[in-house]
Amino acid sequence: MTAVLRQFVRAALDRLPPRAQCWIETLRSQGRETVSRRAYVHKTVQVLGRKHVRIGENTVISQDCWLNVNHRNGDQIAIDIGGHSFIGRRNFFSSGARILIGEYVLTANDCHFLGSSHIIDDPLKPCLTTGTTDTDTILIGHNTFLGAGARVLGHVTIGHGSVIGACSLVTRDVPPFSQVAGFPATVRRRYSFPRRAWVPVSDFTSDDELALPAANDYLAQLRKCPAPRMPYLAAGSDMGQC
């Protein structure tokens, strides 16, 4: 990292507002290192249930994101965002049981992760007072890319190495190394390691399936790459022009 870039990054981190800096430092003062010292959280990010949120090393949470922990049980982590991930602007996380984002995940603007909803069993009660559901878990695998406006709804696992098309609505599990798109989203292509290419799902064979690396092996391979340089300029409108 050049001296100029290092100075720019330091200046960007120093612009964390008192509100954001307060909740990060409060957690650290309590011995809860749930936010990595090398993570960047934009000053406009809103966090509800801060001690139940964990953010990994070299991860960026961009402008106007909202992390909402609906059920705050003990010291349980409800929204867990892995290292080396870039969360685009205006992303919304609403946790039921848990939202787990793997490492090296990239989300574009306006992605939503909706693991909780208001309870609607009794229409004679105002929805605002009925509470929220707490059973659904959202799991996003390592090195998954979600295009602009993608939505993940309910109890869903997206396998590692996958690509979610812009404006897709994911309501069911996605196997590893898949390209999905649509409303609701369907698997269109999968990556064949023997052929080193994305192939139509109809051409994906049992041999291709057997050749897929497991999540931990895939993560170990990703970690052999140099740590990605985060595009801080994309994190907020106050970060400058180029």
Protein backbone atom coordinates (compact mmCIF):
# COMPACT_ATOMS: atom_id res chain seq x y z
CA MET A 1 0.00 0.00 0.00
CA THR A 2 1.46 3.36 -1.01
CA ALA A 3 1.90 6.17 1.50
CA VAL A 4 -0.75 8.26 -0.28
CA LEU A 5 -3.28 5.41 -0.23
CA ARG A 6 -2.48 4.64 3.41
CA GLN A 7 -3.06 8.30 4.31
CA PHE A 8 -6.37 8.30 2.42
CA VAL A 9 -7.60 5.14 4.16
CA ARG A 10 -6.59 6.50 7.58
CA ALA A 11 -8.45 9.73 6.86
CA ALA A 12 -11.53 7.78 5.76
CA LEU A 13 -11.52 5.72 8.95
CA ASP A 14 -11.15 8.88 11.02
CA ARG A 15 -14.40 10.18 9.51
CA LEU A 16 -16.46 7.65 11.44
CA PRO A 17 -19.05 9.77 13.27
CA PRO A 18 -19.40 9.83 17.06
CA ARG A 19 -22.46 7.55 16.90
CA ALA A 20 -20.75 4.79 14.90
CA GLN A 21 -17.43 5.20 16.69
CA CYS A 22 -19.27 5.02 20.02
CA TRP A 23 -20.87 1.64 19.47
CA ILE A 24 -17.67 0.13 18.12
CA GLU A 25 -15.54 1.41 20.99
CA THR A 26 -18.19 0.46 23.57
CA LEU A 27 -18.04 -3.14 22.42
CA ARG A 28 -14.26 -3.13 22.62
CA SER A 29 -14.28 -1.60 26.08
CA GLN A 30 -16.50 -4.49 27.18
CA GLY A 31 -14.03 -6.99 25.80
CA ARG A 32 -16.28 -7.86 22.87
CA GLU A 33 -14.10 -7.60 19.78
CA THR A 34 -17.02 -8.19 17.44
CA VAL A 35 -15.96 -5.49 14.97
CA SER A 36 -12.50 -5.97 13.50
CA ARG A 37 -10.15 -3.02 13.86
CA ARG A 38 -9.51 -3.33 10.13
CA ALA A 39 -13.18 -3.14 9.16
CA TYR A 40 -14.70 0.08 7.80
CA VAL A 41 -18.27 1.04 8.72
CA HIS A 42 -19.59 4.12 6.94
CA LYS A 43 -20.87 6.87 9.23
CA THR A 44 -24.46 6.54 7.93
CA VAL A 45 -24.80 2.84 8.80
CA GLN A 46 -27.55 2.11 11.33
CA VAL A 47 -27.15 -0.86 13.67
CA LEU A 48 -29.92 -2.05 15.97
CA GLY A 49 -28.72 -4.71 18.41
CA ARG A 50 -25.06 -3.77 18.09
CA LYS A 51 -23.61 -6.35 20.49
CA HIS A 52 -25.19 -9.10 18.38
CA VAL A 53 -23.36 -8.02 15.21
CA ARG A 54 -19.92 -9.23 14.13
CA ILE A 55 -17.93 -7.73 11.24
CA GLY A 56 -14.75 -9.36 9.98
CA GLU A 57 -11.31 -8.12 9.03
CA ASN A 58 -10.90 -5.91 5.96
CA THR A 59 -14.67 -5.74 5.45
CA VAL A 60 -16.53 -2.61 4.29
CA ILE A 61 -20.12 -1.74 5.19
CA SER A 62 -21.22 1.02 2.83
CA GLN A 63 -23.39 4.10 3.08
CA ASP A 64 -26.99 3.87 4.35
CA CYS A 65 -26.91 0.17 5.23
CA TRP A 66 -29.19 -1.01 8.03
CA LEU A 67 -28.34 -4.00 10.23
CA ASN A 68 -31.42 -4.90 12.29
CA VAL A 69 -31.22 -7.62 14.94
CA ASN A 70 -34.81 -8.49 15.79
CA HIS A 71 -34.12 -11.03 18.55
CA ARG A 72 -31.31 -10.19 20.99
CA ASN A 73 -30.59 -13.29 23.04
CA GLY A 74 -27.73 -13.21 25.52
CA ASP A 75 -24.41 -12.79 23.73
CA GLN A 76 -25.51 -14.65 20.61
CA ILE A 77 -24.28 -13.21 17.31
CA ALA A 78 -27.28 -12.73 15.03
CA ILE A 79 -25.70 -10.93 12.04
CA ASP A 80 -22.22 -12.24 11.22
CA ILE A 81 -20.39 -10.74 8.22
CA GLY A 82 -17.12 -12.45 7.35
CA GLY A 83 -13.78 -10.95 6.48
CA HIS A 84 -12.74 -9.40 3.13
CA SER A 85 -16.37 -8.71 2.20
CA PHE A 86 -17.76 -5.58 0.59
CA ILE A 87 -21.37 -4.71 1.42
CA GLY A 88 -22.82 -2.21 -1.05
CA ARG A 89 -24.90 0.85 -0.32
CA ARG A 90 -28.39 0.63 1.14
CA ASN A 91 -28.17 -3.07 1.98
CA PHE A 92 -30.73 -4.20 4.57
CA PHE A 93 -30.23 -7.09 6.99
CA SER A 94 -33.20 -8.19 9.12
CA SER A 95 -32.31 -11.25 11.18
CA GLY A 96 -34.62 -14.00 12.34
CA ALA A 97 -32.53 -16.74 13.95
CA ARG A 98 -29.30 -15.65 12.23
CA ILE A 99 -27.79 -14.13 9.11
CA LEU A 100 -24.33 -15.49 8.31
CA ILE A 101 -22.36 -13.89 5.47
CA GLY A 102 -19.20 -15.76 4.49
CA GLU A 103 -15.80 -14.38 3.61
CA TYR A 104 -15.03 -12.60 0.31
CA VAL A 105 -18.71 -11.85 -0.30
CA LEU A 106 -19.56 -8.95 -2.61
CA THR A 107 -22.97 -7.29 -2.65
CA ALA A 108 -24.00 -4.49 -4.97
CA ASN A 109 -26.37 -1.69 -4.00
CA ASP A 110 -29.85 -2.29 -2.56
CA CYS A 111 -29.52 -5.96 -1.62
CA HIS A 112 -31.89 -7.21 1.09
CA PHE A 113 -31.52 -10.16 3.46
CA LEU A 114 -34.92 -10.76 5.04
CA GLY A 115 -34.79 -13.49 7.68
CA SER A 116 -37.63 -12.14 9.82
CA SER A 117 -41.13 -10.87 9.24
CA HIS A 118 -43.92 -9.47 11.37
CA ILE A 119 -46.24 -12.09 12.87
CA ILE A 120 -49.62 -11.91 11.15
CA ASP A 121 -51.53 -14.75 12.84
CA ASP A 122 -54.22 -12.46 14.29
CA PRO A 123 -55.53 -9.77 11.89
CA LEU A 124 -57.41 -8.17 14.80
CA LYS A 125 -54.09 -6.99 16.27
CA PRO A 126 -51.91 -4.23 14.80
CA CYS A 127 -48.95 -5.82 12.98
CA LEU A 128 -46.66 -3.30 14.64
CA THR A 129 -47.38 -4.91 18.04
CA THR A 130 -47.36 -8.62 17.23
CA GLY A 131 -43.60 -9.19 17.20
CA THR A 132 -41.38 -10.78 14.56
CA THR A 133 -40.50 -14.31 13.53
CA ASP A 134 -37.28 -15.87 14.83
CA THR A 135 -36.85 -19.23 13.10
CA ASP A 136 -35.28 -18.49 9.71
CA THR A 137 -31.53 -18.54 9.08
CA ILE A 138 -29.88 -17.04 6.01
CA LEU A 139 -26.46 -18.42 5.05
CA ILE A 140 -24.42 -16.85 2.24
CA GLY A 141 -21.39 -18.90 1.17
CA HIS A 142 -17.84 -17.66 0.67
CA ASN A 143 -17.08 -15.61 -2.44
CA THR A 144 -20.70 -15.15 -3.44
CA PHE A 145 -21.61 -12.12 -5.54
CA LEU A 146 -25.10 -10.61 -5.31
CA GLY A 147 -26.06 -8.17 -8.05
CA ALA A 148 -27.89 -4.89 -7.51
CA GLY A 149 -31.31 -5.23 -5.95
CA ALA A 150 -31.03 -8.95 -5.16
CA ARG A 151 -33.30 -10.19 -2.36
CA VAL A 152 -32.84 -13.24 -0.12
CA LEU A 153 -36.05 -14.16 1.67
CA GLY A 154 -36.71 -16.68 4.44
CA HIS A 155 -34.78 -19.80 5.44
CA VAL A 156 -32.21 -19.92 2.62
CA THR A 157 -28.66 -21.19 2.08
CA ILE A 158 -26.68 -19.92 -0.91
CA GLY A 159 -23.70 -22.14 -1.62
CA HIS A 160 -20.14 -20.85 -1.91
CA GLY A 161 -18.86 -19.51 -5.21
CA SER A 162 -22.30 -18.53 -6.47
CA VAL A 163 -23.53 -15.53 -8.46
CA ILE A 164 -26.98 -14.04 -7.84
CA GLY A 165 -28.31 -11.95 -10.71
CA ALA A 166 -29.48 -8.37 -10.27
CA CYS A 167 -33.07 -7.99 -8.99
CA SER A 168 -33.37 -11.73 -8.31
CA LEU A 169 -35.58 -13.02 -5.51
CA VAL A 170 -34.00 -16.03 -3.79
CA THR A 171 -36.53 -18.04 -1.79
CA ARG A 172 -34.97 -21.51 -1.86
CA ASP A 173 -31.52 -23.02 -1.37
CA VAL A 174 -28.88 -22.51 -4.06
CA PRO A 175 -26.19 -25.18 -4.54
CA PRO A 176 -22.50 -24.17 -4.57
CA PHE A 177 -21.02 -22.61 -7.72
CA SER A 178 -24.36 -21.66 -9.24
CA GLN A 179 -25.53 -18.74 -11.32
CA VAL A 180 -29.14 -17.89 -10.52
CA ALA A 181 -31.51 -15.24 -11.79
CA GLY A 182 -35.19 -14.44 -11.91
CA PHE A 183 -38.19 -13.63 -9.76
CA PRO A 184 -38.25 -16.12 -8.12
CA ALA A 185 -34.66 -17.08 -8.86
CA THR A 186 -33.77 -20.36 -10.56
CA VAL A 187 -30.40 -21.96 -11.22
CA ARG A 188 -29.31 -21.21 -14.79
CA ARG A 189 -25.66 -22.33 -14.89
CA ARG A 190 -23.12 -24.11 -12.67
CA TYR A 191 -19.35 -24.12 -12.69
CA SER A 192 -17.64 -27.26 -13.97
CA PHE A 193 -14.17 -27.63 -12.51
CA PRO A 194 -13.14 -30.40 -14.93
CA ARG A 195 -14.11 -28.15 -17.86
CA ARG A 196 -13.16 -24.88 -16.13
CA ALA A 197 -16.28 -23.19 -17.39
CA TRP A 198 -19.81 -22.20 -16.43
CA VAL A 199 -22.16 -24.66 -18.13
CA PRO A 200 -25.96 -24.79 -18.47
CA VAL A 201 -27.48 -26.60 -15.53
CA SER A 202 -28.80 -29.25 -17.95
CA ASP A 203 -25.19 -30.08 -18.91
CA PHE A 204 -23.90 -30.28 -15.33
CA THR A 205 -23.03 -33.92 -14.60
CA SER A 206 -22.53 -36.05 -11.52
CA ASP A 207 -18.79 -35.96 -12.22
CA ASP A 208 -18.94 -32.16 -12.16
CA GLU A 209 -20.73 -32.33 -8.80
CA LEU A 210 -18.09 -34.63 -7.31
CA ALA A 211 -15.32 -32.28 -8.44
CA LEU A 212 -16.68 -29.27 -6.53
CA PRO A 213 -14.48 -28.24 -3.58
CA ALA A 214 -16.02 -28.23 -0.12
CA ALA A 215 -16.58 -24.86 1.53
CA ASN A 216 -13.56 -25.07 3.86
CA ASP A 217 -11.23 -26.17 1.05
CA TYR A 218 -12.54 -23.38 -1.16
CA LEU A 219 -11.98 -20.82 1.59
CA ALA A 220 -8.43 -22.08 2.14
CA GLN A 221 -7.75 -21.55 -1.57
CA LEU A 222 -9.19 -18.02 -1.46
CA ARG A 223 -7.01 -17.17 1.50
CA LYS A 224 -3.91 -17.97 -0.55
CA CYS A 225 -4.70 -14.93 -2.70
CA PRO A 226 -3.50 -11.49 -1.57
CA ALA A 227 -6.03 -9.72 0.61
CA PRO A 228 -8.27 -7.67 -1.69
CA ARG A 229 -7.84 -3.91 -1.74
CA MET A 230 -11.25 -2.58 -0.86
CA PRO A 231 -12.82 0.03 -3.18
CA TYR A 232 -13.40 2.59 -0.42
CA LEU A 233 -14.47 5.20 -2.97
CA ALA A 234 -17.57 3.11 -3.67
CA ALA A 235 -18.55 2.98 0.01
CA GLY A 236 -20.06 6.46 0.22
CA SER A 237 -20.73 9.66 -1.66
CA ASP A 238 -18.43 11.54 0.73
CA MET A 239 -15.42 9.42 -0.18
CA GLY A 240 -14.41 11.56 -3.14
CA GLN A 241 -14.43 11.47 -6.92
CA CYS A 242 -12.12 9.90 -9.45
